Amino acid sequence: MTSTPVITAEKHALPLGTVAVIPWASDPDSDEAGIPFLMLYPLGDGSEGAEGSTEAMRSMLVSMGLSMGDELMDLSKQPRIPISLLVEGGQAVLTLSSLKVQCPVPPEWEQAAKGCGQVYFISAVRPWPVAVPGRPVDEETLRSYVGDTSLLETSAHCLLPVRSLRV
């Protein structure tokens, strides 16, 4: 698993700093493919440190119409929320109102995303400086961060429709 930076130029001059994404999928069973997940998170390296990154991320998400906490929003039924996901050719392109990121995804993740027609999207506000963009993140590290109840309670949770190129 790898993550990809969104904001790189002058990242320390911005309160949000570097923002990254990481894809993973649950294990498939005999009946269906695994559930694809995609998480957006700040590294906490902005001009105002980790607290500033947290507040900037929260502010951005709320201004887009996302709620924080345990509500799971189905964005296929919320067309006014400016988030989209294009999955094609081993890449996921996530577009939010003010950010755009492209990250490589493994074949099983792409297959699960296209098969389900949606991904479970988590927008974390808590910085995760351990998951440096471009470096692998092992399952235990991912599970520790994502499995933290306080992280989940302060994140936005969405079912995000998957778009693909039409031929």
N, C-alpha and C. Protein backbone atom coordinates (compact mmCIF):
# COMPACT_ATOMS: atom_id res chain seq x y z
N MET A 1 0.84 -1.17 0.00
CA MET A 1 0.00 0.00 0.00
C MET A 1 0.89 1.23 0.00
N THR A 2 0.51 2.21 -0.77
CA THR A 2 1.25 3.46 -0.79
C THR A 2 0.29 4.62 -0.73
N SER A 3 0.81 5.78 -0.42
CA SER A 3 0.00 6.97 -0.40
C SER A 3 0.63 8.00 -1.32
N THR A 4 -0.15 8.96 -1.75
CA THR A 4 0.30 9.93 -2.72
C THR A 4 0.00 11.33 -2.23
N PRO A 5 0.96 12.27 -2.36
CA PRO A 5 0.70 13.63 -1.90
C PRO A 5 -0.26 14.37 -2.81
N VAL A 6 -1.00 15.29 -2.22
CA VAL A 6 -1.88 16.15 -2.99
C VAL A 6 -1.25 17.52 -3.11
N ILE A 7 -0.88 18.10 -2.00
CA ILE A 7 -0.30 19.44 -1.99
C ILE A 7 1.19 19.29 -1.72
N THR A 8 2.01 19.75 -2.65
CA THR A 8 3.45 19.67 -2.43
C THR A 8 4.11 21.03 -2.48
N ALA A 9 3.74 21.88 -3.42
CA ALA A 9 4.38 23.19 -3.56
C ALA A 9 4.05 24.07 -2.37
N GLU A 10 5.06 24.59 -1.74
CA GLU A 10 4.91 25.50 -0.62
C GLU A 10 3.99 24.95 0.46
N LYS A 11 4.06 23.66 0.71
CA LYS A 11 3.15 23.03 1.66
C LYS A 11 3.26 23.60 3.06
N HIS A 12 4.45 24.04 3.43
CA HIS A 12 4.61 24.54 4.79
C HIS A 12 4.03 25.95 4.96
N ALA A 13 3.73 26.61 3.85
CA ALA A 13 3.13 27.94 3.92
C ALA A 13 1.62 27.85 4.11
N LEU A 14 1.05 26.67 3.92
CA LEU A 14 -0.38 26.48 4.04
C LEU A 14 -0.72 25.82 5.38
N PRO A 15 -1.81 26.25 6.02
CA PRO A 15 -2.18 25.60 7.28
C PRO A 15 -2.44 24.10 7.15
N LEU A 16 -3.00 23.68 6.01
CA LEU A 16 -3.30 22.26 5.82
C LEU A 16 -2.03 21.43 5.62
N GLY A 17 -1.06 21.93 4.91
CA GLY A 17 0.16 21.18 4.65
C GLY A 17 -0.08 20.08 3.64
N THR A 18 0.69 19.01 3.73
CA THR A 18 0.58 17.89 2.79
C THR A 18 -0.62 17.03 3.14
N VAL A 19 -1.37 16.67 2.12
CA VAL A 19 -2.51 15.77 2.26
C VAL A 19 -2.23 14.57 1.38
N ALA A 20 -2.52 13.37 1.88
CA ALA A 20 -2.25 12.14 1.15
C ALA A 20 -3.47 11.24 1.15
N VAL A 21 -3.43 10.24 0.30
CA VAL A 21 -4.49 9.22 0.28
C VAL A 21 -3.85 7.85 0.32
N ILE A 22 -4.62 6.89 0.80
CA ILE A 22 -4.15 5.50 0.82
C ILE A 22 -5.34 4.59 0.51
N PRO A 23 -5.17 3.67 -0.45
CA PRO A 23 -6.22 2.70 -0.76
C PRO A 23 -5.95 1.35 -0.10
N TRP A 24 -7.00 0.64 0.25
CA TRP A 24 -6.87 -0.76 0.68
C TRP A 24 -8.23 -1.42 0.51
N ALA A 25 -8.26 -2.72 0.56
CA ALA A 25 -9.52 -3.45 0.41
C ALA A 25 -9.58 -4.53 1.47
N SER A 26 -10.80 -4.80 1.91
CA SER A 26 -10.99 -5.92 2.83
C SER A 26 -10.79 -7.21 2.04
N ASP A 27 -10.57 -8.28 2.75
CA ASP A 27 -10.37 -9.57 2.09
C ASP A 27 -11.67 -10.02 1.42
N PRO A 28 -11.56 -10.49 0.19
CA PRO A 28 -12.76 -10.99 -0.48
C PRO A 28 -13.21 -12.31 0.13
N ASP A 29 -14.48 -12.64 -0.05
CA ASP A 29 -14.95 -13.96 0.36
C ASP A 29 -15.43 -14.70 -0.89
N SER A 30 -15.98 -15.85 -0.72
CA SER A 30 -16.36 -16.67 -1.87
C SER A 30 -17.49 -16.05 -2.68
N ASP A 31 -18.29 -15.17 -2.07
CA ASP A 31 -19.44 -14.59 -2.76
C ASP A 31 -19.15 -13.27 -3.46
N GLU A 32 -18.20 -12.49 -2.95
CA GLU A 32 -17.97 -11.18 -3.53
C GLU A 32 -16.55 -10.69 -3.29
N ALA A 33 -16.20 -9.67 -4.05
CA ALA A 33 -14.88 -9.05 -3.90
C ALA A 33 -14.83 -8.31 -2.57
N GLY A 34 -13.64 -7.97 -2.13
CA GLY A 34 -13.50 -7.21 -0.90
C GLY A 34 -14.06 -5.81 -1.05
N ILE A 35 -14.27 -5.14 0.07
CA ILE A 35 -14.76 -3.77 0.06
C ILE A 35 -13.56 -2.84 -0.13
N PRO A 36 -13.63 -1.96 -1.15
CA PRO A 36 -12.53 -1.02 -1.35
C PRO A 36 -12.67 0.20 -0.44
N PHE A 37 -11.58 0.59 0.17
CA PHE A 37 -11.54 1.77 1.03
C PHE A 37 -10.53 2.76 0.44
N LEU A 38 -10.79 4.03 0.67
CA LEU A 38 -9.86 5.08 0.28
C LEU A 38 -9.89 6.12 1.39
N MET A 39 -8.72 6.45 1.92
CA MET A 39 -8.67 7.42 3.02
C MET A 39 -7.80 8.61 2.65
N LEU A 40 -8.34 9.77 2.91
CA LEU A 40 -7.63 11.04 2.76
C LEU A 40 -7.21 11.48 4.15
N TYR A 41 -5.96 11.95 4.29
CA TYR A 41 -5.49 12.36 5.62
C TYR A 41 -4.38 13.40 5.48
N PRO A 42 -4.24 14.29 6.46
CA PRO A 42 -3.15 15.26 6.46
C PRO A 42 -1.92 14.68 7.15
N LEU A 43 -0.73 15.18 6.78
CA LEU A 43 0.48 14.75 7.47
C LEU A 43 0.76 15.61 8.70
N GLY A 44 0.15 16.78 8.78
CA GLY A 44 0.36 17.65 9.94
C GLY A 44 1.58 18.54 9.80
N ASP A 45 2.04 18.75 8.57
CA ASP A 45 3.27 19.52 8.34
C ASP A 45 3.00 20.94 7.83
N GLY A 46 1.79 21.44 8.05
CA GLY A 46 1.45 22.78 7.58
C GLY A 46 2.08 23.87 8.42
N SER A 47 1.82 25.10 8.05
CA SER A 47 2.43 26.26 8.70
C SER A 47 2.06 26.40 10.17
N GLU A 48 0.94 25.81 10.57
CA GLU A 48 0.49 25.91 11.96
C GLU A 48 0.60 24.58 12.70
N GLY A 49 1.41 23.67 12.16
CA GLY A 49 1.63 22.38 12.81
C GLY A 49 0.44 21.45 12.71
N ALA A 50 0.47 20.40 13.53
CA ALA A 50 -0.56 19.37 13.50
C ALA A 50 -1.95 19.92 13.83
N GLU A 51 -2.03 20.80 14.82
CA GLU A 51 -3.34 21.37 15.19
C GLU A 51 -3.91 22.20 14.05
N GLY A 52 -3.06 22.98 13.39
CA GLY A 52 -3.52 23.78 12.26
C GLY A 52 -3.97 22.91 11.10
N SER A 53 -3.25 21.81 10.84
CA SER A 53 -3.64 20.87 9.78
C SER A 53 -4.99 20.24 10.09
N THR A 54 -5.19 19.85 11.34
CA THR A 54 -6.45 19.26 11.76
C THR A 54 -7.60 20.23 11.54
N GLU A 55 -7.43 21.46 11.99
CA GLU A 55 -8.50 22.45 11.86
C GLU A 55 -8.76 22.81 10.40
N ALA A 56 -7.70 22.93 9.60
CA ALA A 56 -7.86 23.25 8.18
C ALA A 56 -8.59 22.12 7.44
N MET A 57 -8.27 20.88 7.77
CA MET A 57 -8.93 19.74 7.13
C MET A 57 -10.40 19.69 7.54
N ARG A 58 -10.67 19.85 8.82
CA ARG A 58 -12.05 19.84 9.31
C ARG A 58 -12.86 20.95 8.62
N SER A 59 -12.31 22.13 8.56
CA SER A 59 -12.99 23.26 7.94
C SER A 59 -13.29 22.99 6.47
N MET A 60 -12.32 22.43 5.74
CA MET A 60 -12.52 22.13 4.33
C MET A 60 -13.66 21.12 4.15
N LEU A 61 -13.66 20.06 4.95
CA LEU A 61 -14.67 19.01 4.81
C LEU A 61 -16.07 19.52 5.16
N VAL A 62 -16.17 20.27 6.24
CA VAL A 62 -17.47 20.81 6.65
C VAL A 62 -17.99 21.80 5.60
N SER A 63 -17.10 22.62 5.05
CA SER A 63 -17.53 23.59 4.03
C SER A 63 -18.04 22.91 2.77
N MET A 64 -17.61 21.68 2.52
CA MET A 64 -18.09 20.91 1.37
C MET A 64 -19.43 20.23 1.65
N GLY A 65 -19.88 20.24 2.89
CA GLY A 65 -21.15 19.62 3.24
C GLY A 65 -21.04 18.26 3.88
N LEU A 66 -19.82 17.84 4.25
CA LEU A 66 -19.64 16.55 4.91
C LEU A 66 -19.84 16.70 6.41
N SER A 67 -20.34 15.66 7.04
CA SER A 67 -20.47 15.67 8.49
C SER A 67 -19.39 14.78 9.09
N MET A 68 -19.00 15.12 10.29
CA MET A 68 -17.95 14.38 10.97
C MET A 68 -18.62 13.43 11.97
N GLY A 69 -18.03 12.26 12.12
CA GLY A 69 -18.56 11.32 13.10
C GLY A 69 -19.02 10.04 12.48
N ASP A 70 -20.09 9.47 13.03
CA ASP A 70 -20.50 8.13 12.63
C ASP A 70 -21.54 8.09 11.51
N GLU A 71 -21.94 9.24 10.95
CA GLU A 71 -22.90 9.23 9.86
C GLU A 71 -22.20 8.82 8.56
N LEU A 72 -22.74 7.83 7.88
CA LEU A 72 -22.22 7.36 6.60
C LEU A 72 -23.08 8.00 5.51
N MET A 73 -22.48 8.91 4.76
CA MET A 73 -23.20 9.61 3.70
C MET A 73 -23.03 8.86 2.38
N ASP A 74 -24.10 8.68 1.66
CA ASP A 74 -24.05 8.07 0.33
C ASP A 74 -24.00 9.22 -0.68
N LEU A 75 -22.83 9.45 -1.26
CA LEU A 75 -22.66 10.60 -2.14
C LEU A 75 -23.34 10.42 -3.49
N SER A 76 -23.81 9.22 -3.81
CA SER A 76 -24.61 9.05 -5.02
C SER A 76 -25.97 9.73 -4.85
N LYS A 77 -26.35 9.98 -3.61
CA LYS A 77 -27.62 10.64 -3.30
C LYS A 77 -27.41 12.08 -2.84
N GLN A 78 -26.17 12.54 -2.88
CA GLN A 78 -25.81 13.90 -2.47
C GLN A 78 -25.01 14.57 -3.59
N PRO A 79 -25.62 14.81 -4.75
CA PRO A 79 -24.85 15.30 -5.91
C PRO A 79 -24.24 16.70 -5.72
N ARG A 80 -24.70 17.44 -4.73
CA ARG A 80 -24.15 18.79 -4.52
C ARG A 80 -22.84 18.78 -3.74
N ILE A 81 -22.45 17.65 -3.18
CA ILE A 81 -21.18 17.57 -2.47
C ILE A 81 -20.08 17.35 -3.51
N PRO A 82 -19.12 18.29 -3.60
CA PRO A 82 -18.15 18.27 -4.69
C PRO A 82 -16.98 17.30 -4.49
N ILE A 83 -17.30 16.00 -4.53
CA ILE A 83 -16.26 14.95 -4.45
C ILE A 83 -16.56 13.95 -5.55
N SER A 84 -15.53 13.58 -6.29
CA SER A 84 -15.70 12.54 -7.31
C SER A 84 -14.47 11.64 -7.33
N LEU A 85 -14.66 10.44 -7.85
CA LEU A 85 -13.59 9.45 -7.93
C LEU A 85 -13.63 8.78 -9.29
N LEU A 86 -12.53 8.88 -10.01
CA LEU A 86 -12.35 8.20 -11.28
C LEU A 86 -11.35 7.07 -11.05
N VAL A 87 -11.71 5.86 -11.44
CA VAL A 87 -10.82 4.70 -11.29
C VAL A 87 -10.61 4.09 -12.67
N GLU A 88 -9.36 4.08 -13.11
CA GLU A 88 -9.05 3.57 -14.44
C GLU A 88 -7.56 3.29 -14.55
N GLY A 89 -7.20 2.19 -15.19
CA GLY A 89 -5.82 1.89 -15.52
C GLY A 89 -4.88 1.83 -14.34
N GLY A 90 -5.34 1.27 -13.22
CA GLY A 90 -4.47 1.16 -12.05
C GLY A 90 -4.29 2.46 -11.28
N GLN A 91 -5.15 3.43 -11.55
CA GLN A 91 -5.07 4.73 -10.88
C GLN A 91 -6.44 5.11 -10.32
N ALA A 92 -6.41 5.82 -9.22
CA ALA A 92 -7.61 6.44 -8.66
C ALA A 92 -7.36 7.94 -8.64
N VAL A 93 -8.29 8.70 -9.18
CA VAL A 93 -8.18 10.15 -9.20
C VAL A 93 -9.33 10.69 -8.35
N LEU A 94 -8.96 11.24 -7.21
CA LEU A 94 -9.92 11.79 -6.25
C LEU A 94 -9.95 13.30 -6.42
N THR A 95 -11.14 13.85 -6.64
CA THR A 95 -11.29 15.29 -6.81
C THR A 95 -12.25 15.80 -5.75
N LEU A 96 -11.77 16.74 -4.95
CA LEU A 96 -12.60 17.44 -3.99
C LEU A 96 -12.68 18.88 -4.49
N SER A 97 -13.50 19.69 -3.86
CA SER A 97 -13.69 21.05 -4.36
C SER A 97 -12.38 21.81 -4.52
N SER A 98 -11.44 21.62 -3.63
CA SER A 98 -10.20 22.39 -3.70
C SER A 98 -8.94 21.54 -3.84
N LEU A 99 -9.09 20.23 -3.97
CA LEU A 99 -7.95 19.33 -4.07
C LEU A 99 -8.18 18.30 -5.17
N LYS A 100 -7.08 17.84 -5.75
CA LYS A 100 -7.15 16.73 -6.70
C LYS A 100 -5.91 15.88 -6.47
N VAL A 101 -6.11 14.58 -6.36
CA VAL A 101 -4.99 13.67 -6.14
C VAL A 101 -5.16 12.43 -6.99
N GLN A 102 -4.05 11.94 -7.50
CA GLN A 102 -4.04 10.70 -8.26
C GLN A 102 -3.11 9.75 -7.53
N CYS A 103 -3.57 8.52 -7.33
CA CYS A 103 -2.71 7.55 -6.66
C CYS A 103 -2.82 6.20 -7.36
N PRO A 104 -1.72 5.46 -7.37
CA PRO A 104 -1.77 4.10 -7.92
C PRO A 104 -2.58 3.20 -6.99
N VAL A 105 -3.31 2.27 -7.59
CA VAL A 105 -4.08 1.30 -6.80
C VAL A 105 -3.76 -0.10 -7.30
N PRO A 106 -3.73 -1.07 -6.40
CA PRO A 106 -3.46 -2.45 -6.83
C PRO A 106 -4.64 -3.00 -7.65
N PRO A 107 -4.38 -3.98 -8.50
CA PRO A 107 -5.44 -4.54 -9.36
C PRO A 107 -6.66 -5.04 -8.57
N GLU A 108 -6.42 -5.67 -7.42
CA GLU A 108 -7.57 -6.18 -6.64
C GLU A 108 -8.43 -5.04 -6.09
N TRP A 109 -7.81 -3.91 -5.77
CA TRP A 109 -8.57 -2.75 -5.31
C TRP A 109 -9.40 -2.18 -6.46
N GLU A 110 -8.78 -2.04 -7.62
CA GLU A 110 -9.51 -1.52 -8.79
C GLU A 110 -10.68 -2.42 -9.14
N GLN A 111 -10.44 -3.72 -9.12
CA GLN A 111 -11.50 -4.69 -9.43
C GLN A 111 -12.64 -4.58 -8.41
N ALA A 112 -12.30 -4.47 -7.13
CA ALA A 112 -13.33 -4.35 -6.10
C ALA A 112 -14.10 -3.04 -6.26
N ALA A 113 -13.40 -1.95 -6.55
CA ALA A 113 -14.06 -0.65 -6.71
C ALA A 113 -15.03 -0.67 -7.88
N LYS A 114 -14.58 -1.21 -9.01
CA LYS A 114 -15.46 -1.27 -10.18
C LYS A 114 -16.60 -2.26 -9.97
N GLY A 115 -16.31 -3.37 -9.29
CA GLY A 115 -17.34 -4.36 -9.02
C GLY A 115 -18.42 -3.85 -8.09
N CYS A 116 -18.02 -3.12 -7.06
CA CYS A 116 -18.99 -2.56 -6.10
C CYS A 116 -19.66 -1.31 -6.65
N GLY A 117 -18.95 -0.60 -7.52
CA GLY A 117 -19.48 0.66 -8.04
C GLY A 117 -19.32 1.82 -7.08
N GLN A 118 -18.67 1.56 -5.95
CA GLN A 118 -18.44 2.60 -4.95
C GLN A 118 -17.30 2.18 -4.04
N VAL A 119 -16.73 3.16 -3.35
CA VAL A 119 -15.72 2.88 -2.35
C VAL A 119 -16.16 3.50 -1.04
N TYR A 120 -15.68 2.94 0.04
CA TYR A 120 -15.90 3.53 1.36
C TYR A 120 -14.79 4.54 1.54
N PHE A 121 -15.15 5.82 1.54
CA PHE A 121 -14.20 6.92 1.60
C PHE A 121 -14.19 7.51 3.02
N ILE A 122 -13.00 7.61 3.59
CA ILE A 122 -12.81 8.18 4.92
C ILE A 122 -11.94 9.42 4.77
N SER A 123 -12.41 10.53 5.29
CA SER A 123 -11.61 11.76 5.32
C SER A 123 -11.23 12.01 6.76
N ALA A 124 -9.99 11.68 7.10
CA ALA A 124 -9.51 11.85 8.47
C ALA A 124 -9.01 13.28 8.66
N VAL A 125 -9.25 13.82 9.83
CA VAL A 125 -8.73 15.15 10.13
C VAL A 125 -7.46 15.05 10.99
N ARG A 126 -7.29 13.93 11.67
CA ARG A 126 -6.10 13.75 12.50
C ARG A 126 -4.88 13.46 11.63
N PRO A 127 -3.80 14.20 11.81
CA PRO A 127 -2.59 13.94 11.03
C PRO A 127 -2.05 12.53 11.25
N TRP A 128 -1.44 12.02 10.19
CA TRP A 128 -0.81 10.70 10.23
C TRP A 128 0.58 10.84 9.61
N PRO A 129 1.52 11.41 10.37
CA PRO A 129 2.86 11.68 9.82
C PRO A 129 3.68 10.42 9.54
N VAL A 130 3.28 9.29 10.08
CA VAL A 130 3.99 8.03 9.85
C VAL A 130 3.82 7.55 8.42
N ALA A 131 2.65 7.82 7.84
CA ALA A 131 2.33 7.35 6.48
C ALA A 131 2.79 8.37 5.46
N VAL A 132 4.09 8.44 5.28
CA VAL A 132 4.71 9.39 4.37
C VAL A 132 4.39 8.99 2.93
N PRO A 133 3.97 9.95 2.12
CA PRO A 133 3.62 9.63 0.72
C PRO A 133 4.74 8.90 -0.01
N GLY A 134 4.32 7.88 -0.77
CA GLY A 134 5.26 7.12 -1.59
C GLY A 134 5.94 5.96 -0.89
N ARG A 135 5.77 5.83 0.41
CA ARG A 135 6.38 4.72 1.15
C ARG A 135 5.31 3.71 1.54
N PRO A 136 5.63 2.42 1.48
CA PRO A 136 4.65 1.40 1.87
C PRO A 136 4.22 1.54 3.33
N VAL A 137 2.98 1.20 3.57
CA VAL A 137 2.42 1.16 4.92
C VAL A 137 1.98 -0.27 5.17
N ASP A 138 2.51 -0.90 6.21
CA ASP A 138 2.13 -2.29 6.46
C ASP A 138 0.74 -2.36 7.10
N GLU A 139 0.16 -3.56 7.04
CA GLU A 139 -1.20 -3.76 7.52
C GLU A 139 -1.38 -3.39 8.99
N GLU A 140 -0.41 -3.73 9.81
CA GLU A 140 -0.52 -3.44 11.25
C GLU A 140 -0.57 -1.93 11.51
N THR A 141 0.27 -1.17 10.81
CA THR A 141 0.29 0.28 10.96
C THR A 141 -1.03 0.88 10.50
N LEU A 142 -1.52 0.43 9.34
CA LEU A 142 -2.80 0.90 8.83
C LEU A 142 -3.93 0.56 9.79
N ARG A 143 -3.97 -0.68 10.24
CA ARG A 143 -5.02 -1.13 11.15
C ARG A 143 -5.00 -0.34 12.45
N SER A 144 -3.83 -0.02 12.95
CA SER A 144 -3.70 0.75 14.18
C SER A 144 -4.27 2.16 14.03
N TYR A 145 -3.96 2.81 12.91
CA TYR A 145 -4.45 4.17 12.68
C TYR A 145 -5.96 4.19 12.40
N VAL A 146 -6.38 3.37 11.45
CA VAL A 146 -7.78 3.36 11.02
C VAL A 146 -8.69 2.76 12.08
N GLY A 147 -8.18 1.85 12.88
CA GLY A 147 -9.00 1.19 13.89
C GLY A 147 -9.17 1.98 15.17
N ASP A 148 -8.54 3.13 15.27
CA ASP A 148 -8.64 3.96 16.47
C ASP A 148 -10.03 4.62 16.51
N THR A 149 -10.79 4.32 17.54
CA THR A 149 -12.14 4.84 17.66
C THR A 149 -12.18 6.36 17.60
N SER A 150 -11.24 7.04 18.25
CA SER A 150 -11.27 8.51 18.23
C SER A 150 -11.01 9.05 16.83
N LEU A 151 -10.21 8.35 16.03
CA LEU A 151 -10.01 8.76 14.64
C LEU A 151 -11.32 8.64 13.87
N LEU A 152 -11.98 7.52 14.01
CA LEU A 152 -13.22 7.29 13.28
C LEU A 152 -14.31 8.27 13.69
N GLU A 153 -14.36 8.62 14.95
CA GLU A 153 -15.38 9.55 15.45
C GLU A 153 -15.16 10.98 14.97
N THR A 154 -13.96 11.31 14.54
CA THR A 154 -13.67 12.67 14.08
C THR A 154 -13.45 12.74 12.58
N SER A 155 -13.77 11.69 11.86
CA SER A 155 -13.58 11.64 10.41
C SER A 155 -14.93 11.73 9.71
N ALA A 156 -14.88 12.09 8.43
CA ALA A 156 -16.08 12.04 7.58
C ALA A 156 -16.08 10.67 6.89
N HIS A 157 -17.26 10.06 6.78
CA HIS A 157 -17.40 8.74 6.18
C HIS A 157 -18.42 8.83 5.04
N CYS A 158 -18.03 8.33 3.86
CA CYS A 158 -18.90 8.41 2.69
C CYS A 158 -18.82 7.15 1.85
N LEU A 159 -19.91 6.85 1.18
CA LEU A 159 -19.88 5.89 0.08
C LEU A 159 -19.73 6.75 -1.16
N LEU A 160 -18.64 6.58 -1.86
CA LEU A 160 -18.29 7.43 -2.98
C LEU A 160 -18.43 6.65 -4.29
N PRO A 161 -19.32 7.11 -5.19
CA PRO A 161 -19.49 6.39 -6.46
C PRO A 161 -18.19 6.39 -7.28
N VAL A 162 -17.98 5.30 -7.99
CA VAL A 162 -16.80 5.15 -8.84
C VAL A 162 -17.20 5.48 -10.27
N ARG A 163 -16.45 6.36 -10.87
CA ARG A 163 -16.61 6.65 -12.29
C ARG A 163 -15.46 6.01 -13.05
N SER A 164 -15.68 5.71 -14.31
CA SER A 164 -14.61 5.20 -15.16
C SER A 164 -14.76 5.85 -16.53
N LEU A 165 -13.72 5.73 -17.33
CA LEU A 165 -13.78 6.27 -18.69
C LEU A 165 -14.70 5.40 -19.51
N ARG A 166 -15.49 6.01 -20.33
CA ARG A 166 -16.39 5.26 -21.21
C ARG A 166 -15.76 5.18 -22.59
N VAL A 167 -15.81 4.00 -23.14
CA VAL A 167 -15.20 3.79 -24.46
C VAL A 167 -16.28 3.68 -25.52
